[in-house]
Amino acid sequence: MSKFRQHFFVCINQRPPFAKPSCGPQNANQILMMLTEEVEKRGLQEEVRITGSACLGPCDEGPAMVVYPEGTWYQHVTPEDVAEIVESHILNDKPVDRLIYTWPQQA
């Protein structure tokens, strides 16, 4: 059993210019920093873990984020979304519906 109630992975991958899209150039480091600061400010660092990660996969939908253990995926996250994610998802256990990423169905 994990020590943490939730673990947020924020993609901060940065590809070279002219490669396929990546989350890093889309304010991903700022999102990671803001999320970490907000969790610390609210004294939640013992129950919620925030980690920067390499590529999570849905590059065209970035910045991307995944939350475990429930496996909630977020897409197109902006710095302006961080407070809502903390308030809704972390404090009230309700994912932010408008940011939910749904993996495409395989044929």
Protein backbone atom coordinates (compact mmCIF):
# COMPACT_ATOMS: atom_id res chain seq x y z
CA MET A 1 0.00 0.00 0.00
CA SER A 2 1.33 3.43 -0.94
CA LYS A 3 2.16 6.01 1.69
CA PHE A 4 0.33 8.57 -0.46
CA ARG A 5 -3.39 8.92 -1.03
CA GLN A 6 -2.77 10.34 -4.51
CA HIS A 7 0.23 10.62 -6.79
CA PHE A 8 0.15 13.21 -9.60
CA PHE A 9 2.56 12.74 -12.51
CA VAL A 10 2.99 15.86 -14.66
CA CYS A 11 4.65 15.38 -18.04
CA ILE A 12 7.52 17.84 -18.43
CA ASN A 13 9.07 16.15 -21.46
CA GLN A 14 10.73 18.54 -23.90
CA ARG A 15 11.52 17.43 -27.43
CA PRO A 16 13.82 19.26 -29.84
CA PRO A 17 12.30 22.02 -31.98
CA PHE A 18 10.41 20.76 -35.04
CA ALA A 19 9.76 17.35 -33.47
CA LYS A 20 6.26 16.23 -32.53
CA PRO A 21 4.61 18.28 -29.76
CA SER A 22 5.68 17.85 -26.16
CA CYS A 23 4.42 19.13 -22.82
CA GLY A 24 7.56 20.93 -21.65
CA PRO A 25 7.27 23.97 -23.93
CA GLN A 26 3.60 24.39 -22.94
CA ASN A 27 4.25 25.61 -19.38
CA ALA A 28 4.53 22.10 -17.94
CA ASN A 29 7.33 23.07 -15.52
CA GLN A 30 5.25 25.99 -14.26
CA ILE A 31 2.27 23.64 -13.76
CA LEU A 32 4.48 21.18 -11.85
CA MET A 33 5.89 23.96 -9.65
CA MET A 34 2.49 25.53 -8.96
CA LEU A 35 0.90 22.17 -8.12
CA THR A 36 3.76 21.32 -5.76
CA GLU A 37 3.57 24.72 -4.07
CA GLU A 38 -0.21 24.51 -3.65
CA VAL A 39 0.01 21.04 -2.09
CA GLU A 40 2.73 22.24 0.30
CA LYS A 41 0.83 25.45 1.13
CA ARG A 42 -2.17 23.37 2.17
CA GLY A 43 -0.02 20.97 4.22
CA LEU A 44 -0.87 17.97 2.04
CA GLN A 45 2.67 16.84 1.15
CA GLU A 46 2.42 13.80 3.45
CA GLU A 47 -0.63 12.45 1.58
CA VAL A 48 -0.30 13.81 -1.97
CA ARG A 49 2.84 13.32 -4.07
CA ILE A 50 3.67 15.48 -7.11
CA THR A 51 6.26 14.20 -9.60
CA GLY A 52 7.52 15.47 -12.93
CA SER A 53 7.70 12.73 -15.54
CA ALA A 54 9.00 11.98 -19.00
CA CYS A 55 6.51 11.47 -21.83
CA LEU A 56 3.13 10.13 -20.75
CA GLY A 57 1.91 9.49 -24.30
CA PRO A 58 -0.88 11.84 -25.40
CA CYS A 59 1.57 14.45 -26.75
CA ASP A 60 -0.94 16.27 -28.95
CA GLU A 61 -3.17 16.80 -25.90
CA GLY A 62 -0.56 18.21 -23.55
CA PRO A 63 0.32 19.30 -21.08
CA ALA A 64 -0.75 15.92 -19.76
CA MET A 65 -1.07 14.66 -16.21
CA VAL A 66 -2.09 11.34 -14.66
CA VAL A 67 -3.27 10.69 -11.10
CA TYR A 68 -2.82 7.39 -9.33
CA PRO A 69 -4.12 5.18 -7.86
CA GLU A 70 -7.41 5.94 -9.65
CA GLY A 71 -5.82 6.48 -13.07
CA THR A 72 -7.42 9.83 -13.92
CA TRP A 73 -5.81 11.44 -16.98
CA TYR A 74 -5.82 15.18 -17.64
CA GLN A 75 -5.21 16.99 -20.93
CA HIS A 76 -4.52 20.59 -21.99
CA VAL A 77 -3.73 21.57 -18.41
CA THR A 78 -2.78 25.23 -17.94
CA PRO A 79 -1.31 27.08 -14.96
CA GLU A 80 -4.76 28.64 -14.47
CA ASP A 81 -6.21 25.12 -13.92
CA VAL A 82 -3.96 24.24 -10.96
CA ALA A 83 -6.08 25.85 -8.22
CA GLU A 84 -9.21 24.12 -9.56
CA ILE A 85 -7.44 20.74 -9.70
CA VAL A 86 -6.28 21.11 -6.09
CA GLU A 87 -9.66 22.30 -4.83
CA SER A 88 -11.79 19.84 -6.77
CA HIS A 89 -9.65 16.72 -7.20
CA ILE A 90 -7.35 16.74 -4.19
CA LEU A 91 -9.56 18.34 -1.54
CA ASN A 92 -13.00 17.18 -2.71
CA ASP A 93 -12.05 13.95 -4.52
CA LYS A 94 -13.84 15.08 -7.71
CA PRO A 95 -11.77 15.15 -10.93
CA VAL A 96 -12.10 18.25 -13.11
CA ASP A 97 -14.38 16.89 -15.86
CA ARG A 98 -13.53 19.48 -18.52
CA LEU A 99 -9.85 18.44 -18.40
CA ILE A 100 -10.34 14.66 -18.44
CA TYR A 101 -8.48 12.83 -21.21
CA THR A 102 -10.12 9.71 -22.61
CA TRP A 103 -7.86 7.35 -24.52
CA PRO A 104 -9.05 6.70 -28.10
CA GLN A 105 -10.73 3.37 -28.71
CA GLN A 106 -8.66 0.79 -30.57
CA ALA A 107 -10.26 -0.77 -33.66
